[in-house]
Amino acid sequence: MSFGVLAASTRTASGQRPVLTRPIVQAEGDRTVVVLQGEVDFATRPILSDALSRVIAWRVGDVVIDLSEATFIDTAIIRALAVANELLERSGRRMTFRSPSRVAAQVMQLFGLTDLIEVSGNAGV
């Protein structure tokens, strides 16, 4: 069940990026999965922060950030995810990261979040 289906961030024929990229939020058992797509950066941080705020306030259970469709992620996004993780921890919930690219995992390391990466064969670390 999804409550926010959003278009992937891809470049147009002219090389321009779409103005807004939104995460897909869906239930997965007792967890909520937030799928980040395309280029997720400073410009999309307010949209992600809004989606995470809603997930934290309205949903129960742990939160998985799926990075398998993210082609770029910057430190502004990782910082927003770190803040969301702190809020979840305060309420006894947990955040994990699924399928980050090698570069995303390196950025996550700067914020001490690599221990939250789900262990799998293609975790990117």
N, C-alpha and C. Protein backbone atom coordinates (compact mmCIF):
# COMPACT_ATOMS: atom_id res chain seq x y z
N MET A 1 0.84 -1.17 0.00
CA MET A 1 0.00 0.00 0.00
C MET A 1 0.88 1.23 0.00
N SER A 2 0.70 2.13 -0.95
CA SER A 2 1.47 3.36 -1.04
C SER A 2 0.58 4.55 -0.75
N PHE A 3 1.13 5.57 -0.10
CA PHE A 3 0.35 6.78 0.05
C PHE A 3 1.02 7.95 -0.62
N GLY A 4 2.07 7.72 -1.38
CA GLY A 4 2.71 8.76 -2.15
C GLY A 4 3.50 8.15 -3.28
N VAL A 5 2.97 8.16 -4.48
CA VAL A 5 3.68 7.62 -5.62
C VAL A 5 4.16 8.79 -6.44
N LEU A 6 5.47 8.82 -6.66
CA LEU A 6 6.06 9.99 -7.26
C LEU A 6 6.99 9.60 -8.40
N ALA A 7 7.15 10.49 -9.31
CA ALA A 7 7.95 10.20 -10.49
C ALA A 7 9.43 10.13 -10.16
N ALA A 8 10.12 9.26 -10.90
CA ALA A 8 11.58 9.15 -10.74
C ALA A 8 12.25 10.39 -11.31
N SER A 9 13.39 10.73 -10.76
CA SER A 9 14.15 11.86 -11.26
C SER A 9 15.03 11.39 -12.40
N THR A 10 14.73 11.84 -13.59
CA THR A 10 15.55 11.51 -14.75
C THR A 10 15.80 12.79 -15.51
N ARG A 11 16.82 12.81 -16.29
CA ARG A 11 17.12 13.99 -17.08
C ARG A 11 16.27 13.96 -18.36
N THR A 12 15.84 15.13 -18.77
CA THR A 12 15.07 15.24 -20.00
C THR A 12 16.04 15.22 -21.18
N ALA A 13 15.50 15.23 -22.39
CA ALA A 13 16.33 15.22 -23.58
C ALA A 13 17.27 16.41 -23.62
N SER A 14 16.87 17.54 -23.03
CA SER A 14 17.72 18.73 -23.02
C SER A 14 18.74 18.69 -21.90
N GLY A 15 18.73 17.61 -21.09
CA GLY A 15 19.68 17.47 -20.00
C GLY A 15 19.24 18.13 -18.71
N GLN A 16 18.04 18.70 -18.69
CA GLN A 16 17.54 19.36 -17.49
C GLN A 16 16.89 18.34 -16.56
N ARG A 17 17.10 18.54 -15.27
CA ARG A 17 16.48 17.69 -14.27
C ARG A 17 15.08 18.20 -13.98
N PRO A 18 14.11 17.31 -13.73
CA PRO A 18 12.79 17.78 -13.32
C PRO A 18 12.90 18.59 -12.04
N VAL A 19 11.95 19.50 -11.84
CA VAL A 19 12.00 20.41 -10.70
C VAL A 19 11.87 19.66 -9.38
N LEU A 20 10.94 18.73 -9.27
CA LEU A 20 10.71 18.06 -8.00
C LEU A 20 10.86 16.55 -8.13
N THR A 21 11.47 15.95 -7.13
CA THR A 21 11.54 14.50 -7.01
C THR A 21 10.92 14.18 -5.67
N ARG A 22 10.01 13.23 -5.64
CA ARG A 22 9.35 12.87 -4.39
C ARG A 22 9.62 11.40 -4.07
N PRO A 23 9.75 11.11 -2.81
CA PRO A 23 9.94 9.71 -2.43
C PRO A 23 8.63 8.92 -2.54
N ILE A 24 8.77 7.63 -2.71
CA ILE A 24 7.61 6.73 -2.66
C ILE A 24 7.58 6.17 -1.25
N VAL A 25 6.43 6.25 -0.61
CA VAL A 25 6.27 5.74 0.75
C VAL A 25 5.28 4.59 0.70
N GLN A 26 5.71 3.42 1.22
CA GLN A 26 4.85 2.24 1.16
C GLN A 26 5.05 1.39 2.40
N ALA A 27 4.01 0.64 2.74
CA ALA A 27 4.08 -0.28 3.87
C ALA A 27 4.74 -1.57 3.42
N GLU A 28 5.55 -2.14 4.29
CA GLU A 28 6.18 -3.44 4.04
C GLU A 28 6.12 -4.20 5.36
N GLY A 29 5.07 -4.97 5.53
CA GLY A 29 4.85 -5.63 6.82
C GLY A 29 4.60 -4.58 7.89
N ASP A 30 5.35 -4.65 8.98
CA ASP A 30 5.18 -3.67 10.04
C ASP A 30 6.15 -2.50 9.91
N ARG A 31 6.84 -2.41 8.77
CA ARG A 31 7.79 -1.32 8.52
C ARG A 31 7.25 -0.41 7.43
N THR A 32 7.78 0.80 7.39
CA THR A 32 7.48 1.74 6.32
C THR A 32 8.73 1.90 5.48
N VAL A 33 8.59 1.76 4.17
CA VAL A 33 9.71 1.91 3.25
C VAL A 33 9.56 3.23 2.52
N VAL A 34 10.64 4.00 2.52
CA VAL A 34 10.71 5.26 1.79
C VAL A 34 11.73 5.07 0.68
N VAL A 35 11.25 5.08 -0.57
CA VAL A 35 12.11 4.84 -1.72
C VAL A 35 12.54 6.19 -2.29
N LEU A 36 13.85 6.40 -2.35
CA LEU A 36 14.40 7.62 -2.95
C LEU A 36 14.82 7.29 -4.37
N GLN A 37 14.46 8.17 -5.31
CA GLN A 37 14.71 7.91 -6.72
C GLN A 37 15.49 9.05 -7.35
N GLY A 38 16.33 8.71 -8.31
CA GLY A 38 17.05 9.72 -9.08
C GLY A 38 18.05 10.49 -8.24
N GLU A 39 18.20 11.75 -8.57
CA GLU A 39 19.14 12.62 -7.87
C GLU A 39 18.44 13.24 -6.67
N VAL A 40 18.91 12.92 -5.50
CA VAL A 40 18.31 13.41 -4.26
C VAL A 40 19.35 14.32 -3.62
N ASP A 41 19.07 15.63 -3.62
CA ASP A 41 20.07 16.58 -3.17
C ASP A 41 19.43 17.73 -2.40
N PHE A 42 20.21 18.76 -2.18
CA PHE A 42 19.76 19.91 -1.39
C PHE A 42 18.41 20.46 -1.88
N ALA A 43 18.20 20.47 -3.18
CA ALA A 43 16.96 21.01 -3.74
C ALA A 43 15.74 20.17 -3.37
N THR A 44 15.93 18.88 -3.16
CA THR A 44 14.82 17.99 -2.83
C THR A 44 14.70 17.72 -1.33
N ARG A 45 15.62 18.27 -0.53
CA ARG A 45 15.61 18.04 0.92
C ARG A 45 14.29 18.43 1.57
N PRO A 46 13.68 19.58 1.25
CA PRO A 46 12.41 19.91 1.90
C PRO A 46 11.31 18.89 1.63
N ILE A 47 11.28 18.33 0.43
CA ILE A 47 10.28 17.33 0.08
C ILE A 47 10.52 16.06 0.89
N LEU A 48 11.78 15.64 0.97
CA LEU A 48 12.10 14.45 1.76
C LEU A 48 11.80 14.68 3.23
N SER A 49 12.18 15.83 3.74
CA SER A 49 11.93 16.13 5.16
C SER A 49 10.44 16.10 5.47
N ASP A 50 9.63 16.61 4.56
CA ASP A 50 8.18 16.58 4.76
C ASP A 50 7.66 15.14 4.79
N ALA A 51 8.12 14.34 3.83
CA ALA A 51 7.69 12.93 3.79
C ALA A 51 8.13 12.18 5.05
N LEU A 52 9.36 12.40 5.48
CA LEU A 52 9.84 11.73 6.68
C LEU A 52 9.08 12.19 7.92
N SER A 53 8.77 13.47 8.00
CA SER A 53 7.99 13.99 9.13
C SER A 53 6.64 13.30 9.21
N ARG A 54 6.01 13.12 8.07
CA ARG A 54 4.71 12.44 8.03
C ARG A 54 4.84 10.98 8.45
N VAL A 55 5.87 10.32 7.96
CA VAL A 55 6.08 8.91 8.32
C VAL A 55 6.32 8.79 9.82
N ILE A 56 7.13 9.66 10.36
CA ILE A 56 7.44 9.60 11.79
C ILE A 56 6.20 9.89 12.62
N ALA A 57 5.39 10.86 12.21
CA ALA A 57 4.21 11.26 12.98
C ALA A 57 3.03 10.30 12.80
N TRP A 58 2.80 9.80 11.61
CA TRP A 58 1.57 9.07 11.32
C TRP A 58 1.71 7.57 11.37
N ARG A 59 2.89 7.05 11.11
CA ARG A 59 3.06 5.61 10.99
C ARG A 59 3.68 5.05 12.26
N VAL A 60 3.61 3.75 12.39
CA VAL A 60 4.26 3.05 13.49
C VAL A 60 5.28 2.09 12.89
N GLY A 61 6.16 1.59 13.71
CA GLY A 61 7.15 0.63 13.24
C GLY A 61 8.40 1.31 12.72
N ASP A 62 9.31 0.46 12.30
CA ASP A 62 10.60 0.94 11.81
C ASP A 62 10.47 1.50 10.40
N VAL A 63 11.51 2.22 9.98
CA VAL A 63 11.53 2.87 8.67
C VAL A 63 12.75 2.39 7.90
N VAL A 64 12.53 2.00 6.65
CA VAL A 64 13.60 1.58 5.75
C VAL A 64 13.72 2.65 4.67
N ILE A 65 14.94 3.15 4.47
CA ILE A 65 15.20 4.09 3.37
C ILE A 65 15.82 3.27 2.25
N ASP A 66 15.08 3.10 1.16
CA ASP A 66 15.54 2.31 0.03
C ASP A 66 16.26 3.23 -0.95
N LEU A 67 17.56 3.00 -1.11
CA LEU A 67 18.39 3.84 -1.97
C LEU A 67 18.72 3.16 -3.30
N SER A 68 18.08 2.05 -3.60
CA SER A 68 18.41 1.29 -4.81
C SER A 68 18.15 2.06 -6.10
N GLU A 69 17.23 3.03 -6.06
CA GLU A 69 16.91 3.80 -7.27
C GLU A 69 17.49 5.21 -7.23
N ALA A 70 18.27 5.52 -6.18
CA ALA A 70 18.89 6.84 -6.07
C ALA A 70 20.19 6.85 -6.88
N THR A 71 20.29 7.79 -7.82
CA THR A 71 21.49 7.88 -8.64
C THR A 71 22.51 8.84 -8.05
N PHE A 72 22.07 9.71 -7.15
CA PHE A 72 22.95 10.66 -6.48
C PHE A 72 22.32 11.03 -5.15
N ILE A 73 23.14 11.18 -4.13
CA ILE A 73 22.66 11.61 -2.82
C ILE A 73 23.75 12.48 -2.22
N ASP A 74 23.36 13.63 -1.67
CA ASP A 74 24.38 14.52 -1.12
C ASP A 74 24.30 14.60 0.40
N THR A 75 25.20 15.37 0.98
CA THR A 75 25.29 15.45 2.44
C THR A 75 24.06 16.11 3.06
N ALA A 76 23.38 16.99 2.35
CA ALA A 76 22.16 17.61 2.88
C ALA A 76 21.09 16.54 3.13
N ILE A 77 21.00 15.58 2.25
CA ILE A 77 20.03 14.50 2.40
C ILE A 77 20.44 13.57 3.53
N ILE A 78 21.71 13.23 3.58
CA ILE A 78 22.19 12.36 4.65
C ILE A 78 21.95 13.03 6.01
N ARG A 79 22.17 14.32 6.09
CA ARG A 79 21.92 15.03 7.35
C ARG A 79 20.43 14.97 7.71
N ALA A 80 19.55 15.15 6.74
CA ALA A 80 18.10 15.05 7.00
C ALA A 80 17.74 13.64 7.47
N LEU A 81 18.37 12.63 6.88
CA LEU A 81 18.12 11.25 7.29
C LEU A 81 18.65 10.99 8.70
N ALA A 82 19.79 11.59 9.04
CA ALA A 82 20.36 11.44 10.39
C ALA A 82 19.43 12.05 11.44
N VAL A 83 18.85 13.21 11.13
CA VAL A 83 17.90 13.85 12.05
C VAL A 83 16.66 12.97 12.21
N ALA A 84 16.15 12.44 11.10
CA ALA A 84 14.98 11.55 11.17
C ALA A 84 15.30 10.32 12.00
N ASN A 85 16.51 9.79 11.85
CA ASN A 85 16.92 8.63 12.63
C ASN A 85 16.91 8.95 14.12
N GLU A 86 17.41 10.13 14.49
CA GLU A 86 17.41 10.54 15.89
C GLU A 86 15.99 10.61 16.44
N LEU A 87 15.07 11.16 15.66
CA LEU A 87 13.67 11.26 16.09
C LEU A 87 13.05 9.88 16.25
N LEU A 88 13.34 8.99 15.31
CA LEU A 88 12.81 7.63 15.42
C LEU A 88 13.36 6.92 16.65
N GLU A 89 14.65 7.07 16.91
CA GLU A 89 15.26 6.43 18.07
C GLU A 89 14.61 6.90 19.38
N ARG A 90 14.25 8.17 19.44
CA ARG A 90 13.61 8.72 20.64
C ARG A 90 12.28 8.03 20.93
N SER A 91 11.62 7.55 19.88
CA SER A 91 10.33 6.89 20.08
C SER A 91 10.46 5.37 20.05
N GLY A 92 11.70 4.87 20.14
CA GLY A 92 11.92 3.43 20.19
C GLY A 92 11.82 2.75 18.85
N ARG A 93 11.92 3.51 17.77
CA ARG A 93 11.84 2.95 16.43
C ARG A 93 13.23 2.97 15.81
N ARG A 94 13.37 2.29 14.68
CA ARG A 94 14.68 2.15 14.05
C ARG A 94 14.61 2.51 12.58
N MET A 95 15.69 3.09 12.06
CA MET A 95 15.83 3.36 10.63
C MET A 95 16.96 2.49 10.10
N THR A 96 16.74 1.92 8.91
CA THR A 96 17.80 1.22 8.21
C THR A 96 17.84 1.71 6.77
N PHE A 97 18.97 1.43 6.12
CA PHE A 97 19.16 1.83 4.72
C PHE A 97 19.32 0.59 3.87
N ARG A 98 18.62 0.58 2.75
CA ARG A 98 18.64 -0.57 1.84
C ARG A 98 19.34 -0.18 0.53
N SER A 99 20.29 -0.99 0.13
CA SER A 99 20.93 -0.93 -1.19
C SER A 99 21.55 0.42 -1.56
N PRO A 100 22.32 1.03 -0.65
CA PRO A 100 22.99 2.27 -1.07
C PRO A 100 24.11 1.97 -2.06
N SER A 101 24.36 2.89 -2.96
CA SER A 101 25.51 2.76 -3.85
C SER A 101 26.77 2.91 -3.01
N ARG A 102 27.89 2.58 -3.60
CA ARG A 102 29.16 2.72 -2.90
C ARG A 102 29.38 4.18 -2.49
N VAL A 103 29.08 5.10 -3.39
CA VAL A 103 29.25 6.52 -3.09
C VAL A 103 28.31 6.96 -1.96
N ALA A 104 27.07 6.52 -2.01
CA ALA A 104 26.11 6.87 -0.94
C ALA A 104 26.60 6.32 0.40
N ALA A 105 27.13 5.10 0.40
CA ALA A 105 27.64 4.51 1.63
C ALA A 105 28.82 5.31 2.17
N GLN A 106 29.64 5.84 1.28
CA GLN A 106 30.78 6.66 1.71
C GLN A 106 30.31 7.97 2.34
N VAL A 107 29.27 8.57 1.76
CA VAL A 107 28.71 9.80 2.34
C VAL A 107 28.08 9.47 3.69
N MET A 108 27.40 8.34 3.79
CA MET A 108 26.78 7.93 5.05
C MET A 108 27.84 7.72 6.13
N GLN A 109 29.01 7.26 5.73
CA GLN A 109 30.10 7.04 6.67
C GLN A 109 30.50 8.35 7.35
N LEU A 110 30.46 9.45 6.63
CA LEU A 110 30.80 10.75 7.20
C LEU A 110 29.90 11.10 8.38
N PHE A 111 28.67 10.60 8.38
CA PHE A 111 27.70 10.89 9.42
C PHE A 111 27.53 9.73 10.41
N GLY A 112 28.37 8.72 10.28
CA GLY A 112 28.31 7.59 11.20
C GLY A 112 27.06 6.75 11.06
N LEU A 113 26.55 6.62 9.84
CA LEU A 113 25.31 5.89 9.62
C LEU A 113 25.51 4.53 8.94
N THR A 114 26.74 4.13 8.67
CA THR A 114 26.94 2.88 7.94
C THR A 114 26.48 1.66 8.72
N ASP A 115 26.42 1.75 10.04
CA ASP A 115 25.94 0.61 10.81
C ASP A 115 24.44 0.38 10.64
N LEU A 116 23.75 1.32 9.98
CA LEU A 116 22.32 1.19 9.73
C LEU A 116 22.01 0.59 8.36
N ILE A 117 23.04 0.25 7.60
CA ILE A 117 22.82 -0.35 6.28
C ILE A 117 22.42 -1.81 6.45
N GLU A 118 21.31 -2.19 5.82
CA GLU A 118 20.85 -3.58 5.86
C GLU A 118 21.89 -4.46 5.21
N VAL A 119 22.19 -5.57 5.82
CA VAL A 119 23.18 -6.50 5.29
C VAL A 119 22.51 -7.34 4.20
N SER A 120 23.08 -7.28 2.99
CA SER A 120 22.61 -8.10 1.88
C SER A 120 23.74 -8.22 0.88
N GLY A 121 23.55 -9.04 -0.12
CA GLY A 121 24.58 -9.28 -1.11
C GLY A 121 24.92 -8.09 -1.97
N ASN A 122 23.98 -7.10 -2.08
CA ASN A 122 24.22 -5.95 -2.95
C ASN A 122 24.09 -4.64 -2.18
N ALA A 123 24.58 -4.58 -0.97
CA ALA A 123 24.44 -3.38 -0.14
C ALA A 123 25.30 -2.23 -0.62
N GLY A 124 26.28 -2.47 -1.46
CA GLY A 124 27.07 -1.37 -2.01
C GLY A 124 28.24 -0.97 -1.13
N VAL A 125 28.52 -1.69 -0.07
CA VAL A 125 29.65 -1.36 0.78
C VAL A 125 30.73 -2.39 0.69
